[in-house]
Amino acid sequence: VQLVESGGGLVQPGGSLRLSCAASGLTFIGYTMSWYRQAPGKEREFVALIEPLIGSTTYSDSVVGRCTMSRDIAKNTVYLQLNSMKPEDTAVYYCNAKGTLPTVLGRNYWGQGTQVTVSS
């Protein structure tokens, strides 16, 4: 199983960024896909998730209203669109796949992370 994040980089405050996470080696629809982030010296924190069947989304308070998570099932890829970015959004962003349907329950995978830096 591989989760490969991309799209990170340097963005100015107020700018936007779209992160991608391409999954391979798993049946995409069986997993809850999430984004987490970890800033220097801080613990990894939840950002957003999309549920496998209905595709409903949940966001952390820190990004709600500025963030949209979406998926392309045919491409086995999830996206995280971040808008009105702030310096406190600076972190390494990680993709996570957590087995949700019975056949894959308990499986948990992480990507390698992609760096996002918000600075002028």
Protein backbone atom coordinates (compact mmCIF):
# COMPACT_ATOMS: atom_id res chain seq x y z
CA VAL A 1 0.00 0.00 0.00
CA GLN A 2 1.27 3.46 -0.87
CA LEU A 3 -0.08 6.90 -0.15
CA VAL A 4 1.78 9.61 -2.03
CA GLU A 5 1.13 13.24 -1.18
CA SER A 6 1.96 16.11 -3.48
CA GLY A 7 1.18 19.78 -3.95
CA GLY A 8 2.95 21.25 -0.96
CA GLY A 9 5.16 24.30 -1.17
CA LEU A 10 5.52 27.93 -0.20
CA VAL A 11 2.44 30.13 -0.28
CA GLN A 12 1.84 33.70 0.86
CA PRO A 13 -0.64 34.49 3.63
CA GLY A 14 -4.11 34.68 2.15
CA GLY A 15 -3.15 32.37 -0.67
CA SER A 16 -4.43 28.92 -1.64
CA LEU A 17 -3.00 25.48 -2.14
CA ARG A 18 -4.35 22.13 -3.26
CA LEU A 19 -2.78 18.98 -1.89
CA SER A 20 -3.23 15.57 -3.48
CA CYS A 21 -2.92 12.06 -2.07
CA ALA A 22 -2.76 9.21 -4.55
CA ALA A 23 -3.47 5.79 -3.05
CA SER A 24 -2.33 2.50 -4.52
CA GLY A 25 -2.55 -1.06 -3.31
CA LEU A 26 -5.86 -0.66 -1.54
CA THR A 27 -9.52 -0.60 -2.39
CA PHE A 28 -10.13 3.08 -2.00
CA ILE A 29 -13.81 2.93 -1.21
CA GLY A 30 -13.23 0.78 1.90
CA TYR A 31 -11.23 3.42 3.72
CA THR A 32 -11.86 6.63 5.55
CA MET A 33 -9.35 9.03 4.05
CA SER A 34 -8.01 11.81 6.23
CA TRP A 35 -5.52 14.64 6.27
CA TYR A 36 -3.42 15.40 9.31
CA ARG A 37 -0.69 17.95 9.84
CA GLN A 38 2.25 18.39 12.15
CA ALA A 39 3.91 21.70 12.83
CA PRO A 40 7.45 21.90 14.26
CA GLY A 41 7.45 21.07 17.95
CA LYS A 42 3.78 20.13 17.96
CA GLU A 43 1.81 16.93 17.87
CA ARG A 44 0.19 15.68 14.72
CA GLU A 45 -3.36 17.02 14.48
CA PHE A 46 -6.44 16.11 12.51
CA VAL A 47 -7.39 18.40 9.62
CA ALA A 48 -10.15 16.76 7.57
CA LEU A 49 -11.67 13.44 6.58
CA ILE A 50 -13.97 12.00 3.96
CA GLU A 51 -16.07 8.92 4.72
CA PRO A 52 -15.92 5.99 2.31
CA LEU A 53 -19.53 5.33 1.30
CA ILE A 54 -21.44 8.59 1.26
CA GLY A 55 -18.39 10.81 0.95
CA SER A 56 -19.39 13.13 3.75
CA THR A 57 -16.65 15.38 5.10
CA THR A 58 -15.58 16.59 8.52
CA TYR A 59 -13.16 19.42 9.26
CA SER A 60 -11.24 20.59 12.28
CA ASP A 61 -12.19 23.91 13.81
CA SER A 62 -8.86 25.35 12.69
CA VAL A 63 -9.67 24.99 8.97
CA VAL A 64 -13.48 24.87 8.73
CA GLY A 65 -14.73 27.41 6.23
CA ARG A 66 -11.31 27.63 4.56
CA CYS A 67 -10.85 24.06 3.54
CA THR A 68 -12.48 21.55 1.19
CA MET A 69 -11.65 17.87 1.02
CA SER A 70 -12.74 15.94 -2.04
CA ARG A 71 -12.02 12.67 -3.82
CA ASP A 72 -11.82 11.13 -7.26
CA ILE A 73 -12.70 7.48 -6.80
CA ALA A 74 -11.66 6.55 -10.34
CA LYS A 75 -8.18 7.93 -9.67
CA ASN A 76 -7.96 6.67 -6.08
CA THR A 77 -7.01 10.20 -5.09
CA VAL A 78 -8.13 12.61 -2.41
CA TYR A 79 -7.55 16.34 -2.39
CA LEU A 80 -7.32 19.05 0.21
CA GLN A 81 -8.01 22.59 -0.94
CA LEU A 82 -6.80 25.20 1.53
CA ASN A 83 -7.82 28.84 1.11
CA SER A 84 -7.14 32.06 3.01
CA MET A 85 -4.03 30.45 4.34
CA LYS A 86 -2.37 31.63 7.53
CA PRO A 87 1.17 31.26 8.88
CA GLU A 88 -0.22 28.84 11.46
CA ASP A 89 -1.15 26.48 8.62
CA THR A 90 2.58 25.84 8.17
CA ALA A 91 3.17 22.14 8.75
CA VAL A 92 3.92 18.82 7.15
CA TYR A 93 0.62 17.50 5.82
CA TYR A 94 0.04 13.74 5.94
CA CYS A 95 -2.52 11.58 4.20
CA ASN A 96 -4.06 8.70 6.16
CA ALA A 97 -6.15 5.72 5.09
CA LYS A 98 -8.03 3.94 7.85
CA GLY A 99 -9.89 0.74 7.06
CA THR A 100 -13.58 1.28 7.79
CA LEU A 101 -15.52 -1.41 5.99
CA PRO A 102 -15.46 -4.89 7.64
CA THR A 103 -13.06 -6.49 5.19
CA VAL A 104 -10.32 -3.96 5.93
CA LEU A 105 -11.18 -2.94 9.47
CA GLY A 106 -8.11 -2.13 11.55
CA ARG A 107 -5.78 -1.36 8.67
CA ASN A 108 -4.10 2.00 8.90
CA TYR A 109 -1.67 3.60 6.45
CA TRP A 110 0.23 6.90 6.29
CA GLY A 111 1.88 8.80 3.51
CA GLN A 112 5.32 10.35 3.75
CA GLY A 113 4.01 13.90 4.09
CA THR A 114 4.31 17.08 2.10
CA GLN A 115 5.64 20.36 3.49
CA VAL A 116 3.41 23.43 3.41
CA THR A 117 4.91 26.77 4.39
CA VAL A 118 2.86 29.94 4.64
CA SER A 119 5.09 32.98 4.68
CA SER A 120 5.56 36.32 2.99
